């Protein structure tokens, strides 16, 4: 057992639940081709495999004024689209 970090920066495809704003709980649409839901499922699978996860964020438009963060552990969104 050891600490590891997974970091992916991707471009393309449109995720889901853009109508939810700051402070909302975002669960996802569960479409097989939704990048947001694929990421959520990845985190769920790591947890099911016994991994202890400290931080899991899905950051939309990182580093920009429009940055939105989805906390994949709590489901809470910070920021607005």
PDB file of N, CA and C in Angstrom:
ATOM      1  N   UNK A   1       0.834  -1.182   0.000  1.00  0.00           N
ATOM      2  CA  UNK A   1       0.000   0.000   0.000  1.00  0.00           C
ATOM      3  C   UNK A   1       0.871   1.235   0.000  1.00  0.00           C
ATOM      4  N   UNK A   2       0.439   2.230  -0.722  1.00  0.00           N
ATOM      5  CA  UNK A   2       1.166   3.476  -0.767  1.00  0.00           C
ATOM      6  C   UNK A   2       0.287   4.581  -1.311  1.00  0.00           C
ATOM      7  N   UNK A   3       0.776   5.775  -1.184  1.00  0.00           N
ATOM      8  CA  UNK A   3       0.055   6.936  -1.680  1.00  0.00           C
ATOM      9  C   UNK A   3       0.248   7.036  -3.182  1.00  0.00           C
ATOM     10  N   UNK A   4      -0.823   7.349  -3.897  1.00  0.00           N
ATOM     11  CA  UNK A   4      -0.697   7.600  -5.325  1.00  0.00           C
ATOM     12  C   UNK A   4      -1.637   8.725  -5.710  1.00  0.00           C
ATOM     13  N   UNK A   5      -1.346   9.352  -6.831  1.00  0.00           N
ATOM     14  CA  UNK A   5      -2.135  10.487  -7.318  1.00  0.00           C
ATOM     15  C   UNK A   5      -2.454  10.246  -8.781  1.00  0.00           C
ATOM     16  N   UNK A   6      -3.699  10.478  -9.146  1.00  0.00           N
ATOM     17  CA  UNK A   6      -4.130  10.376 -10.537  1.00  0.00           C
ATOM     18  C   UNK A   6      -4.545  11.765 -10.980  1.00  0.00           C
ATOM     19  N   UNK A   7      -3.963  12.248 -12.061  1.00  0.00           N
ATOM     20  CA  UNK A   7      -4.319  13.574 -12.568  1.00  0.00           C
ATOM     21  C   UNK A   7      -4.514  13.471 -14.071  1.00  0.00           C
ATOM     22  N   UNK A   8      -5.669  13.908 -14.533  1.00  0.00           N
ATOM     23  CA  UNK A   8      -6.000  13.845 -15.954  1.00  0.00           C
ATOM     24  C   UNK A   8      -6.500  15.212 -16.383  1.00  0.00           C
ATOM     25  N   UNK A   9      -5.969  15.727 -17.468  1.00  0.00           N
ATOM     26  CA  UNK A   9      -6.499  16.956 -18.041  1.00  0.00           C
ATOM     27  C   UNK A   9      -6.983  16.604 -19.434  1.00  0.00           C
ATOM     28  N   UNK A  10      -8.249  16.841 -19.698  1.00  0.00           N
ATOM     29  CA  UNK A  10      -8.840  16.429 -20.971  1.00  0.00           C
ATOM     30  C   UNK A  10      -9.635  17.574 -21.583  1.00  0.00           C
ATOM     31  N   UNK A  11      -9.874  17.473 -22.880  1.00  0.00           N
ATOM     32  CA  UNK A  11     -10.684  18.438 -23.619  1.00  0.00           C
ATOM     33  C   UNK A  11     -11.660  17.659 -24.479  1.00  0.00           C
ATOM     34  N   UNK A  12     -12.889  18.137 -24.538  1.00  0.00           N
ATOM     35  CA  UNK A  12     -13.859  17.519 -25.425  1.00  0.00           C
ATOM     36  C   UNK A  12     -15.051  16.971 -24.691  1.00  0.00           C
ATOM     37  N   UNK A  13     -16.077  16.714 -25.408  1.00  0.00           N
ATOM     38  CA  UNK A  13     -17.343  16.181 -24.904  1.00  0.00           C
ATOM     39  C   UNK A  13     -17.913  17.115 -23.837  1.00  0.00           C
ATOM     40  N   UNK A  14     -19.192  17.081 -23.698  1.00  0.00           N
ATOM     41  CA  UNK A  14     -19.880  17.950 -22.742  1.00  0.00           C
ATOM     42  C   UNK A  14     -20.436  17.095 -21.630  1.00  0.00           C
ATOM     43  N   UNK A  15     -20.189  17.499 -20.405  1.00  0.00           N
ATOM     44  CA  UNK A  15     -20.691  16.765 -19.253  1.00  0.00           C
ATOM     45  C   UNK A  15     -22.149  17.070 -18.982  1.00  0.00           C
ATOM     46  N   UNK A  16     -22.566  16.771 -17.773  1.00  0.00           N
ATOM     47  CA  UNK A  16     -23.980  16.895 -17.432  1.00  0.00           C
ATOM     48  C   UNK A  16     -24.212  17.832 -16.257  1.00  0.00           C
ATOM     49  N   UNK A  17     -25.466  18.036 -15.966  1.00  0.00           N
ATOM     50  CA  UNK A  17     -25.930  18.755 -14.778  1.00  0.00           C
ATOM     51  C   UNK A  17     -25.390  20.179 -14.681  1.00  0.00           C
ATOM     52  N   UNK A  18     -25.276  20.866 -15.831  1.00  0.00           N
ATOM     53  CA  UNK A  18     -24.755  22.234 -15.843  1.00  0.00           C
ATOM     54  C   UNK A  18     -25.729  23.219 -15.211  1.00  0.00           C
ATOM     55  N   UNK A  19     -26.981  22.833 -15.071  1.00  0.00           N
ATOM     56  CA  UNK A  19     -27.978  23.734 -14.494  1.00  0.00           C
ATOM     57  C   UNK A  19     -27.861  23.844 -12.970  1.00  0.00           C
ATOM     58  N   UNK A  20     -27.128  22.934 -12.338  1.00  0.00           N
ATOM     59  CA  UNK A  20     -26.918  23.022 -10.898  1.00  0.00           C
ATOM     60  C   UNK A  20     -25.837  24.055 -10.604  1.00  0.00           C
ATOM     61  N   UNK A  21     -26.073  24.905  -9.622  1.00  0.00           N
ATOM     62  CA  UNK A  21     -25.134  25.975  -9.301  1.00  0.00           C
ATOM     63  C   UNK A  21     -24.381  25.734  -8.004  1.00  0.00           C
ATOM     64  N   UNK A  22     -23.736  26.783  -7.557  1.00  0.00           N
ATOM     65  CA  UNK A  22     -22.902  26.769  -6.366  1.00  0.00           C
ATOM     66  C   UNK A  22     -23.662  26.221  -5.158  1.00  0.00           C
ATOM     67  N   UNK A  23     -23.066  25.245  -4.475  1.00  0.00           N
ATOM     68  CA  UNK A  23     -23.658  24.656  -3.292  1.00  0.00           C
ATOM     69  C   UNK A  23     -24.612  23.504  -3.557  1.00  0.00           C
ATOM     70  N   UNK A  24     -24.930  23.255  -4.810  1.00  0.00           N
ATOM     71  CA  UNK A  24     -25.828  22.154  -5.163  1.00  0.00           C
ATOM     72  C   UNK A  24     -25.109  20.818  -5.070  1.00  0.00           C
ATOM     73  N   UNK A  25     -25.885  19.771  -4.808  1.00  0.00           N
ATOM     74  CA  UNK A  25     -25.346  18.414  -4.852  1.00  0.00           C
ATOM     75  C   UNK A  25     -25.573  17.865  -6.248  1.00  0.00           C
ATOM     76  N   UNK A  26     -24.496  17.442  -6.886  1.00  0.00           N
ATOM     77  CA  UNK A  26     -24.551  16.942  -8.258  1.00  0.00           C
ATOM     78  C   UNK A  26     -24.338  15.439  -8.236  1.00  0.00           C
ATOM     79  N   UNK A  27     -25.320  14.700  -8.680  1.00  0.00           N
ATOM     80  CA  UNK A  27     -25.236  13.240  -8.679  1.00  0.00           C
ATOM     81  C   UNK A  27     -24.774  12.718 -10.034  1.00  0.00           C
ATOM     82  N   UNK A  28     -25.251  13.308 -11.115  1.00  0.00           N
ATOM     83  CA  UNK A  28     -24.859  12.897 -12.458  1.00  0.00           C
ATOM     84  C   UNK A  28     -26.008  12.283 -13.222  1.00  0.00           C
ATOM     85  N   UNK A  29     -25.786  12.092 -14.502  1.00  0.00           N
ATOM     86  CA  UNK A  29     -26.829  11.579 -15.396  1.00  0.00           C
ATOM     87  C   UNK A  29     -26.675  10.085 -15.682  1.00  0.00           C
ATOM     88  N   UNK A  30     -25.477   9.542 -15.425  1.00  0.00           N
ATOM     89  CA  UNK A  30     -25.173   8.117 -15.625  1.00  0.00           C
ATOM     90  C   UNK A  30     -25.151   7.678 -17.095  1.00  0.00           C
ATOM     91  N   UNK A  31     -25.092   8.631 -18.029  1.00  0.00           N
ATOM     92  CA  UNK A  31     -24.938   8.239 -19.440  1.00  0.00           C
ATOM     93  C   UNK A  31     -23.543   7.632 -19.623  1.00  0.00           C
ATOM     94  N   UNK A  32     -23.440   6.593 -20.424  1.00  0.00           N
ATOM     95  CA  UNK A  32     -22.162   5.897 -20.597  1.00  0.00           C
ATOM     96  C   UNK A  32     -21.099   6.755 -21.278  1.00  0.00           C
ATOM     97  N   UNK A  33     -21.498   7.818 -21.974  1.00  0.00           N
ATOM     98  CA  UNK A  33     -20.524   8.647 -22.680  1.00  0.00           C
ATOM     99  C   UNK A  33     -20.350  10.029 -22.053  1.00  0.00           C
ATOM    100  N   UNK A  34     -20.838  10.219 -20.835  1.00  0.00           N
ATOM    101  CA  UNK A  34     -20.719  11.507 -20.141  1.00  0.00           C
ATOM    102  C   UNK A  34     -19.376  11.551 -19.408  1.00  0.00           C
ATOM    103  N   UNK A  35     -18.480  12.483 -19.759  1.00  0.00           N
ATOM    104  CA  UNK A  35     -17.169  12.527 -19.109  1.00  0.00           C
ATOM    105  C   UNK A  35     -17.263  12.798 -17.606  1.00  0.00           C
ATOM    106  N   UNK A  36     -18.234  13.605 -17.181  1.00  0.00           N
ATOM    107  CA  UNK A  36     -18.402  13.880 -15.753  1.00  0.00           C
ATOM    108  C   UNK A  36     -18.768  12.598 -15.010  1.00  0.00           C
ATOM    109  N   UNK A  37     -19.707  11.839 -15.552  1.00  0.00           N
ATOM    110  CA  UNK A  37     -20.154  10.605 -14.892  1.00  0.00           C
ATOM    111  C   UNK A  37     -19.101   9.505 -14.953  1.00  0.00           C
ATOM    112  N   UNK A  38     -18.332   9.460 -16.021  1.00  0.00           N
ATOM    113  CA  UNK A  38     -17.227   8.498 -16.107  1.00  0.00           C
ATOM    114  C   UNK A  38     -16.238   8.771 -14.980  1.00  0.00           C
ATOM    115  N   UNK A  39     -15.963  10.050 -14.730  1.00  0.00           N
ATOM    116  CA  UNK A  39     -15.043  10.430 -13.666  1.00  0.00           C
ATOM    117  C   UNK A  39     -15.611  10.084 -12.294  1.00  0.00           C
ATOM    118  N   UNK A  40     -16.902  10.370 -12.101  1.00  0.00           N
ATOM    119  CA  UNK A  40     -17.547  10.006 -10.827  1.00  0.00           C
ATOM    120  C   UNK A  40     -17.474   8.504 -10.578  1.00  0.00           C
ATOM    121  N   UNK A  41     -17.729   7.724 -11.622  1.00  0.00           N
ATOM    122  CA  UNK A  41     -17.697   6.265 -11.479  1.00  0.00           C
ATOM    123  C   UNK A  41     -16.286   5.775 -11.165  1.00  0.00           C
ATOM    124  N   UNK A  42     -15.280   6.385 -11.753  1.00  0.00           N
ATOM    125  CA  UNK A  42     -13.890   6.028 -11.463  1.00  0.00           C
ATOM    126  C   UNK A  42     -13.605   6.181  -9.969  1.00  0.00           C
ATOM    127  N   UNK A  43     -14.026   7.295  -9.389  1.00  0.00           N
ATOM    128  CA  UNK A  43     -13.811   7.532  -7.957  1.00  0.00           C
ATOM    129  C   UNK A  43     -14.584   6.504  -7.133  1.00  0.00           C
ATOM    130  N   UNK A  44     -15.836   6.223  -7.511  1.00  0.00           N
ATOM    131  CA  UNK A  44     -16.620   5.211  -6.785  1.00  0.00           C
ATOM    132  C   UNK A  44     -15.940   3.846  -6.836  1.00  0.00           C
ATOM    133  N   UNK A  45     -15.371   3.494  -7.985  1.00  0.00           N
ATOM    134  CA  UNK A  45     -14.706   2.197  -8.118  1.00  0.00           C
ATOM    135  C   UNK A  45     -13.447   2.125  -7.262  1.00  0.00           C
ATOM    136  N   UNK A  46     -12.704   3.216  -7.195  1.00  0.00           N
ATOM    137  CA  UNK A  46     -11.531   3.240  -6.313  1.00  0.00           C
ATOM    138  C   UNK A  46     -11.942   3.017  -4.862  1.00  0.00           C
ATOM    139  N   UNK A  47     -13.016   3.675  -4.447  1.00  0.00           N
ATOM    140  CA  UNK A  47     -13.497   3.509  -3.079  1.00  0.00           C
ATOM    141  C   UNK A  47     -13.945   2.074  -2.822  1.00  0.00           C
ATOM    142  N   UNK A  48     -14.660   1.473  -3.794  1.00  0.00           N
ATOM    143  CA  UNK A  48     -15.098   0.080  -3.647  1.00  0.00           C
ATOM    144  C   UNK A  48     -13.917  -0.869  -3.572  1.00  0.00           C
ATOM    145  N   UNK A  49     -12.811  -0.499  -4.206  1.00  0.00           N
ATOM    146  CA  UNK A  49     -11.611  -1.342  -4.201  1.00  0.00           C
ATOM    147  C   UNK A  49     -10.817  -1.194  -2.904  1.00  0.00           C
ATOM    148  N   UNK A  50     -11.300  -0.338  -2.008  1.00  0.00           N
ATOM    149  CA  UNK A  50     -10.648  -0.191  -0.722  1.00  0.00           C
ATOM    150  C   UNK A  50      -9.687   0.974  -0.609  1.00  0.00           C
ATOM    151  N   UNK A  51      -9.659   1.819  -1.613  1.00  0.00           N
ATOM    152  CA  UNK A  51      -8.773   2.986  -1.549  1.00  0.00           C
ATOM    153  C   UNK A  51      -9.383   4.053  -0.642  1.00  0.00           C
ATOM    154  N   UNK A  52      -8.538   4.670   0.151  1.00  0.00           N
ATOM    155  CA  UNK A  52      -8.939   5.806   0.957  1.00  0.00           C
ATOM    156  C   UNK A  52      -8.635   7.058   0.143  1.00  0.00           C
ATOM    157  N   UNK A  53      -9.654   7.831  -0.161  1.00  0.00           N
ATOM    158  CA  UNK A  53      -9.478   8.990  -1.042  1.00  0.00           C
ATOM    159  C   UNK A  53      -9.555  10.263  -0.227  1.00  0.00           C
ATOM    160  N   UNK A  54      -8.501  11.068  -0.314  1.00  0.00           N
ATOM    161  CA  UNK A  54      -8.438  12.330   0.420  1.00  0.00           C
ATOM    162  C   UNK A  54      -9.088  13.470  -0.351  1.00  0.00           C
ATOM    163  N   UNK A  55      -8.804  13.541  -1.630  1.00  0.00           N
ATOM    164  CA  UNK A  55      -9.305  14.620  -2.478  1.00  0.00           C
ATOM    165  C   UNK A  55      -9.727  14.034  -3.818  1.00  0.00           C
ATOM    166  N   UNK A  56     -10.907  14.426  -4.277  1.00  0.00           N
ATOM    167  CA  UNK A  56     -11.362  14.035  -5.609  1.00  0.00           C
ATOM    168  C   UNK A  56     -12.179  15.188  -6.166  1.00  0.00           C
ATOM    169  N   UNK A  57     -11.578  15.967  -7.049  1.00  0.00           N
ATOM    170  CA  UNK A  57     -12.241  17.121  -7.638  1.00  0.00           C
ATOM    171  C   UNK A  57     -12.322  16.979  -9.144  1.00  0.00           C
ATOM    172  N   UNK A  58     -13.451  17.365  -9.689  1.00  0.00           N
ATOM    173  CA  UNK A  58     -13.605  17.510 -11.130  1.00  0.00           C
ATOM    174  C   UNK A  58     -13.658  19.011 -11.371  1.00  0.00           C
ATOM    175  N   UNK A  59     -12.625  19.552 -12.008  1.00  0.00           N
ATOM    176  CA  UNK A  59     -12.514  20.995 -12.227  1.00  0.00           C
ATOM    177  C   UNK A  59     -12.823  21.313 -13.672  1.00  0.00           C
ATOM    178  N   UNK A  60     -13.839  22.121 -13.866  1.00  0.00           N
ATOM    179  CA  UNK A  60     -14.237  22.569 -15.198  1.00  0.00           C
ATOM    180  C   UNK A  60     -13.571  23.916 -15.464  1.00  0.00           C
ATOM    181  N   UNK A  61     -12.933  24.054 -16.586  1.00  0.00           N
ATOM    182  CA  UNK A  61     -12.222  25.265 -16.994  1.00  0.00           C
ATOM    183  C   UNK A  61     -11.213  25.713 -15.947  1.00  0.00           C
ATOM    184  N   UNK A  62     -10.253  24.826 -15.595  1.00  0.00           N
ATOM    185  CA  UNK A  62      -9.283  25.156 -14.541  1.00  0.00           C
ATOM    186  C   UNK A  62      -8.479  26.412 -14.856  1.00  0.00           C
ATOM    187  N   UNK A  63      -8.298  27.213 -13.816  1.00  0.00           N
ATOM    188  CA  UNK A  63      -7.479  28.405 -13.930  1.00  0.00           C
ATOM    189  C   UNK A  63      -8.168  29.600 -14.567  1.00  0.00           C
ATOM    190  N   UNK A  64      -9.409  29.436 -14.973  1.00  0.00           N
ATOM    191  CA  UNK A  64     -10.118  30.546 -15.606  1.00  0.00           C
ATOM    192  C   UNK A  64     -11.059  31.201 -14.592  1.00  0.00           C
ATOM    193  N   UNK A  65     -11.592  32.351 -14.953  1.00  0.00           N
ATOM    194  CA  UNK A  65     -12.561  33.021 -14.089  1.00  0.00           C
ATOM    195  C   UNK A  65     -13.854  32.213 -13.965  1.00  0.00           C
ATOM    196  N   UNK A  66     -14.116  31.354 -14.927  1.00  0.00           N
ATOM    197  CA  UNK A  66     -15.334  30.532 -14.935  1.00  0.00           C
ATOM    198  C   UNK A  66     -15.144  29.186 -14.251  1.00  0.00           C
ATOM    199  N   UNK A  67     -14.027  28.971 -13.557  1.00  0.00           N
ATOM    200  CA  UNK A  67     -13.737  27.674 -12.957  1.00  0.00           C
ATOM    201  C   UNK A  67     -14.872  27.207 -12.039  1.00  0.00           C
ATOM    202  N   UNK A  68     -15.266  25.957 -12.227  1.00  0.00           N
ATOM    203  CA  UNK A  68     -16.290  25.307 -11.412  1.00  0.00           C
ATOM    204  C   UNK A  68     -15.693  24.006 -10.908  1.00  0.00           C
ATOM    205  N   UNK A  69     -15.885  23.701  -9.624  1.00  0.00           N
ATOM    206  CA  UNK A  69     -15.349  22.471  -9.045  1.00  0.00           C
ATOM    207  C   UNK A  69     -16.473  21.597  -8.512  1.00  0.00           C
ATOM    208  N   UNK A  70     -16.435  20.333  -8.890  1.00  0.00           N
ATOM    209  CA  UNK A  70     -17.340  19.340  -8.334  1.00  0.00           C
ATOM    210  C   UNK A  70     -16.531  18.461  -7.397  1.00  0.00           C
ATOM    211  N   UNK A  71     -16.894  18.461  -6.112  1.00  0.00           N
ATOM    212  CA  UNK A  71     -16.249  17.592  -5.142  1.00  0.00           C
ATOM    213  C   UNK A  71     -16.842  16.208  -5.329  1.00  0.00           C
ATOM    214  N   UNK A  72     -16.035  15.264  -5.782  1.00  0.00           N
ATOM    215  CA  UNK A  72     -16.538  13.930  -6.111  1.00  0.00           C
ATOM    216  C   UNK A  72     -16.718  13.044  -4.888  1.00  0.00           C
ATOM    217  N   UNK A  73     -16.321  13.524  -3.717  1.00  0.00           N
ATOM    218  CA  UNK A  73     -16.564  12.781  -2.486  1.00  0.00           C
ATOM    219  C   UNK A  73     -17.876  13.200  -1.847  1.00  0.00           C
ATOM    220  N   UNK A  74     -18.169  14.494  -1.869  1.00  0.00           N
ATOM    221  CA  UNK A  74     -19.403  14.995  -1.252  1.00  0.00           C
ATOM    222  C   UNK A  74     -20.505  15.252  -2.269  1.00  0.00           C
ATOM    223  N   UNK A  75     -20.135  15.416  -3.538  1.00  0.00           N
ATOM    224  CA  UNK A  75     -21.092  15.736  -4.587  1.00  0.00           C
ATOM    225  C   UNK A  75     -21.416  17.212  -4.690  1.00  0.00           C
ATOM    226  N   UNK A  76     -20.804  18.039  -3.854  1.00  0.00           N
ATOM    227  CA  UNK A  76     -21.143  19.466  -3.811  1.00  0.00           C
ATOM    228  C   UNK A  76     -20.342  20.231  -4.853  1.00  0.00           C
ATOM    229  N   UNK A  77     -21.048  21.111  -5.565  1.00  0.00           N
ATOM    230  CA  UNK A  77     -20.433  21.952  -6.586  1.00  0.00           C
ATOM    231  C   UNK A  77     -20.105  23.324  -5.999  1.00  0.00           C
ATOM    232  N   UNK A  78     -18.936  23.855  -6.381  1.00  0.00           N
ATOM    233  CA  UNK A  78     -18.619  25.239  -6.042  1.00  0.00           C
ATOM    234  C   UNK A  78     -18.388  25.985  -7.347  1.00  0.00           C
ATOM    235  N   UNK A  79     -19.126  27.066  -7.511  1.00  0.00           N
ATOM    236  CA  UNK A  79     -19.083  27.849  -8.733  1.00  0.00           C
ATOM    237  C   UNK A  79     -20.334  27.651  -9.560  1.00  0.00           C
ATOM    238  N   UNK A  80     -20.457  28.467 -10.578  1.00  0.00           N
ATOM    239  CA  UNK A  80     -21.621  28.429 -11.463  1.00  0.00           C
ATOM    240  C   UNK A  80     -21.197  28.416 -12.916  1.00  0.00           C
ATOM    241  N   UNK A  81     -21.939  27.716 -13.735  1.00  0.00           N
ATOM    242  CA  UNK A  81     -21.704  27.708 -15.174  1.00  0.00           C
ATOM    243  C   UNK A  81     -22.351  28.910 -15.795  1.00  0.00           C
TER     244      UNK A  81
END
